[in-house]
Amino acid sequence: MNYVVALAAVVAVSVTGARAAHHEKKPDDAAMAAKMDAHFKEVDSNADGQISEQELVDFVTAKAKREFAAMAGDDGLVSYDEMKAHHQAKHEAMMKKPADGAVDEKPDAGEHSEGHH
């Protein structure tokens, strides 16, 4: 049960950060379609063109475990200060602007911009 609560908290925090990023820069339709296509393929682990409940659960669980590992200290627990520092660092990385002035919406390699679920 605690795992489900922790997973819900990670997803809620991720959605909040992603919504703030969307207000910064609205991608064009082609860019959004490309992101959605890439994200769908990422979740559709058996590449059958459909996402099953188990595929979504597996994807979100793996993502939550990566997020937890990135936040957890040596004790295997996440304090409020560790979570706050982790999300502040992610926010700062996301807000760094490339030379062309565009906002980089993908702070973590291998992960899509969160908040679309």
C-alpha atoms as a PDB file:
ATOM      1  CA  MET A   1       0.000   0.000   0.000  1.00  0.00           C
ATOM      2  CA  ASN A   2       2.813   2.420   0.881  1.00  0.00           C
ATOM      3  CA  TYR A   3       4.349   1.761  -2.539  1.00  0.00           C
ATOM      4  CA  VAL A   4       1.114   2.838  -4.245  1.00  0.00           C
ATOM      5  CA  VAL A   5       0.994   6.045  -2.186  1.00  0.00           C
ATOM      6  CA  ALA A   6       4.649   6.789  -3.001  1.00  0.00           C
ATOM      7  CA  LEU A   7       4.025   6.112  -6.693  1.00  0.00           C
ATOM      8  CA  ALA A   8       1.021   8.439  -6.684  1.00  0.00           C
ATOM      9  CA  ALA A   9       3.100  11.161  -5.027  1.00  0.00           C
ATOM     10  CA  VAL A  10       5.860  10.867  -7.649  1.00  0.00           C
ATOM     11  CA  VAL A  11       3.338  11.048 -10.473  1.00  0.00           C
ATOM     12  CA  ALA A  12       1.592  14.067  -8.912  1.00  0.00           C
ATOM     13  CA  VAL A  13       4.862  15.950  -8.498  1.00  0.00           C
ATOM     14  CA  SER A  14       5.889  15.075 -12.062  1.00  0.00           C
ATOM     15  CA  VAL A  15       2.585  16.298 -13.491  1.00  0.00           C
ATOM     16  CA  THR A  16       2.885  19.591 -11.617  1.00  0.00           C
ATOM     17  CA  GLY A  17       6.346  20.250 -13.037  1.00  0.00           C
ATOM     18  CA  ALA A  18       5.317  19.305 -16.559  1.00  0.00           C
ATOM     19  CA  ARG A  19       2.325  21.642 -16.484  1.00  0.00           C
ATOM     20  CA  ALA A  20       4.569  24.548 -15.543  1.00  0.00           C
ATOM     21  CA  ALA A  21       6.846  23.703 -18.477  1.00  0.00           C
ATOM     22  CA  HIS A  22       3.898  23.681 -20.876  1.00  0.00           C
ATOM     23  CA  HIS A  23       3.062  27.259 -19.950  1.00  0.00           C
ATOM     24  CA  GLU A  24       6.609  28.299 -20.856  1.00  0.00           C
ATOM     25  CA  LYS A  25       6.568  27.070 -24.456  1.00  0.00           C
ATOM     26  CA  LYS A  26       3.785  25.521 -26.497  1.00  0.00           C
ATOM     27  CA  PRO A  27       5.142  23.041 -29.053  1.00  0.00           C
ATOM     28  CA  ASP A  28       3.707  23.054 -32.547  1.00  0.00           C
ATOM     29  CA  ASP A  29       1.352  20.280 -33.656  1.00  0.00           C
ATOM     30  CA  ALA A  30       4.042  18.299 -35.521  1.00  0.00           C
ATOM     31  CA  ALA A  31       6.406  18.384 -32.548  1.00  0.00           C
ATOM     32  CA  MET A  32       3.615  17.315 -30.191  1.00  0.00           C
ATOM     33  CA  ALA A  33       2.600  14.470 -32.519  1.00  0.00           C
ATOM     34  CA  ALA A  34       6.215  13.286 -32.689  1.00  0.00           C
ATOM     35  CA  LYS A  35       6.507  13.344 -28.886  1.00  0.00           C
ATOM     36  CA  MET A  36       3.233  11.455 -28.473  1.00  0.00           C
ATOM     37  CA  ASP A  37       4.309   8.851 -31.040  1.00  0.00           C
ATOM     38  CA  ALA A  38       7.655   8.341 -29.309  1.00  0.00           C
ATOM     39  CA  HIS A  39       6.016   8.123 -25.887  1.00  0.00           C
ATOM     40  CA  PHE A  40       3.391   5.630 -27.098  1.00  0.00           C
ATOM     41  CA  LYS A  41       6.131   3.405 -28.520  1.00  0.00           C
ATOM     42  CA  GLU A  42       8.058   3.695 -25.255  1.00  0.00           C
ATOM     43  CA  VAL A  43       5.082   2.438 -23.224  1.00  0.00           C
ATOM     44  CA  ASP A  44       3.929  -0.169 -25.810  1.00  0.00           C
ATOM     45  CA  SER A  45       6.679  -2.603 -24.804  1.00  0.00           C
ATOM     46  CA  ASN A  46       5.529  -5.461 -27.062  1.00  0.00           C
ATOM     47  CA  ALA A  47       5.034  -3.112 -30.054  1.00  0.00           C
ATOM     48  CA  ASP A  48       1.558  -4.433 -30.883  1.00  0.00           C
ATOM     49  CA  GLY A  49       0.127  -0.949 -31.393  1.00  0.00           C
ATOM     50  CA  GLN A  50      -1.900  -1.001 -28.178  1.00  0.00           C
ATOM     51  CA  ILE A  51      -1.053  -0.267 -24.558  1.00  0.00           C
ATOM     52  CA  SER A  52      -2.305  -2.803 -22.069  1.00  0.00           C
ATOM     53  CA  GLU A  53      -2.931  -2.001 -18.428  1.00  0.00           C
ATOM     54  CA  GLN A  54       0.115  -4.124 -17.525  1.00  0.00           C
ATOM     55  CA  GLU A  55       2.355  -2.229 -19.951  1.00  0.00           C
ATOM     56  CA  LEU A  56       1.288   1.085 -18.412  1.00  0.00           C
ATOM     57  CA  VAL A  57       1.746  -0.240 -14.862  1.00  0.00           C
ATOM     58  CA  ASP A  58       5.206  -1.595 -15.778  1.00  0.00           C
ATOM     59  CA  PHE A  59       6.211   1.718 -17.381  1.00  0.00           C
ATOM     60  CA  VAL A  60       5.009   3.863 -14.467  1.00  0.00           C
ATOM     61  CA  THR A  61       6.545   1.480 -11.909  1.00  0.00           C
ATOM     62  CA  ALA A  62       9.944   1.558 -13.639  1.00  0.00           C
ATOM     63  CA  LYS A  63       9.756   5.344 -13.889  1.00  0.00           C
ATOM     64  CA  ALA A  64       8.839   5.654 -10.195  1.00  0.00           C
ATOM     65  CA  LYS A  65      11.736   3.369  -9.233  1.00  0.00           C
ATOM     66  CA  ARG A  66      14.186   5.485 -11.282  1.00  0.00           C
ATOM     67  CA  GLU A  67      12.830   8.654  -9.684  1.00  0.00           C
ATOM     68  CA  PHE A  68      13.071   7.154  -6.205  1.00  0.00           C
ATOM     69  CA  ALA A  69      16.639   5.957  -6.785  1.00  0.00           C
ATOM     70  CA  ALA A  70      17.618   9.432  -7.993  1.00  0.00           C
ATOM     71  CA  MET A  71      16.192  11.022  -4.835  1.00  0.00           C
ATOM     72  CA  ALA A  72      17.073   8.439  -2.166  1.00  0.00           C
ATOM     73  CA  GLY A  73      20.123   8.893  -0.019  1.00  0.00           C
ATOM     74  CA  ASP A  74      22.387   6.126   1.230  1.00  0.00           C
ATOM     75  CA  ASP A  75      19.690   5.037   3.671  1.00  0.00           C
ATOM     76  CA  GLY A  76      17.248   4.040   0.912  1.00  0.00           C
ATOM     77  CA  LEU A  77      14.688   6.571   2.088  1.00  0.00           C
ATOM     78  CA  VAL A  78      13.665   9.946   0.700  1.00  0.00           C
ATOM     79  CA  SER A  79      13.447  12.867   3.072  1.00  0.00           C
ATOM     80  CA  TYR A  80      11.517  16.005   2.255  1.00  0.00           C
ATOM     81  CA  ASP A  81      14.804  17.887   1.782  1.00  0.00           C
ATOM     82  CA  GLU A  82      16.116  15.215  -0.640  1.00  0.00           C
ATOM     83  CA  MET A  83      12.907  15.338  -2.668  1.00  0.00           C
ATOM     84  CA  LYS A  84      12.933  19.138  -2.711  1.00  0.00           C
ATOM     85  CA  ALA A  85      16.604  19.276  -3.814  1.00  0.00           C
ATOM     86  CA  HIS A  86      16.027  16.655  -6.512  1.00  0.00           C
ATOM     87  CA  HIS A  87      13.044  18.436  -8.011  1.00  0.00           C
ATOM     88  CA  GLN A  88      14.734  21.826  -7.781  1.00  0.00           C
ATOM     89  CA  ALA A  89      17.711  20.425  -9.720  1.00  0.00           C
ATOM     90  CA  LYS A  90      15.378  18.920 -12.345  1.00  0.00           C
ATOM     91  CA  HIS A  91      13.535  22.219 -12.668  1.00  0.00           C
ATOM     92  CA  GLU A  92      16.770  24.164 -13.068  1.00  0.00           C
ATOM     93  CA  ALA A  93      18.022  21.718 -15.710  1.00  0.00           C
ATOM     94  CA  MET A  94      14.709  21.958 -17.556  1.00  0.00           C
ATOM     95  CA  MET A  95      14.784  25.737 -17.531  1.00  0.00           C
ATOM     96  CA  LYS A  96      18.298  26.036 -18.937  1.00  0.00           C
ATOM     97  CA  LYS A  97      17.980  27.565 -22.351  1.00  0.00           C
ATOM     98  CA  PRO A  98      20.086  26.413 -25.302  1.00  0.00           C
ATOM     99  CA  ALA A  99      21.947  29.018 -27.401  1.00  0.00           C
ATOM    100  CA  ASP A 100      18.876  29.464 -29.626  1.00  0.00           C
ATOM    101  CA  GLY A 101      16.804  30.574 -26.610  1.00  0.00           C
ATOM    102  CA  ALA A 102      14.347  27.669 -26.722  1.00  0.00           C
ATOM    103  CA  VAL A 103      13.342  25.991 -23.477  1.00  0.00           C
ATOM    104  CA  ASP A 104      14.593  22.415 -23.271  1.00  0.00           C
ATOM    105  CA  GLU A 105      11.550  20.349 -22.275  1.00  0.00           C
ATOM    106  CA  LYS A 106      13.430  17.036 -21.892  1.00  0.00           C
ATOM    107  CA  PRO A 107      15.640  17.336 -18.827  1.00  0.00           C
ATOM    108  CA  ASP A 108      16.401  13.595 -18.496  1.00  0.00           C
ATOM    109  CA  ALA A 109      17.800  11.575 -21.356  1.00  0.00           C
ATOM    110  CA  GLY A 110      15.618   8.572 -22.091  1.00  0.00           C
ATOM    111  CA  GLU A 111      12.530  10.030 -20.462  1.00  0.00           C
ATOM    112  CA  HIS A 112       9.745  11.975 -22.085  1.00  0.00           C
ATOM    113  CA  SER A 113       8.383  15.184 -20.726  1.00  0.00           C
ATOM    114  CA  GLU A 114       6.023  14.104 -17.975  1.00  0.00           C
ATOM    115  CA  GLY A 115       2.453  15.049 -17.391  1.00  0.00           C
ATOM    116  CA  HIS A 116       0.690  13.631 -20.421  1.00  0.00           C
ATOM    117  CA  HIS A 117      -1.051  10.836 -18.528  1.00  0.00           C
END
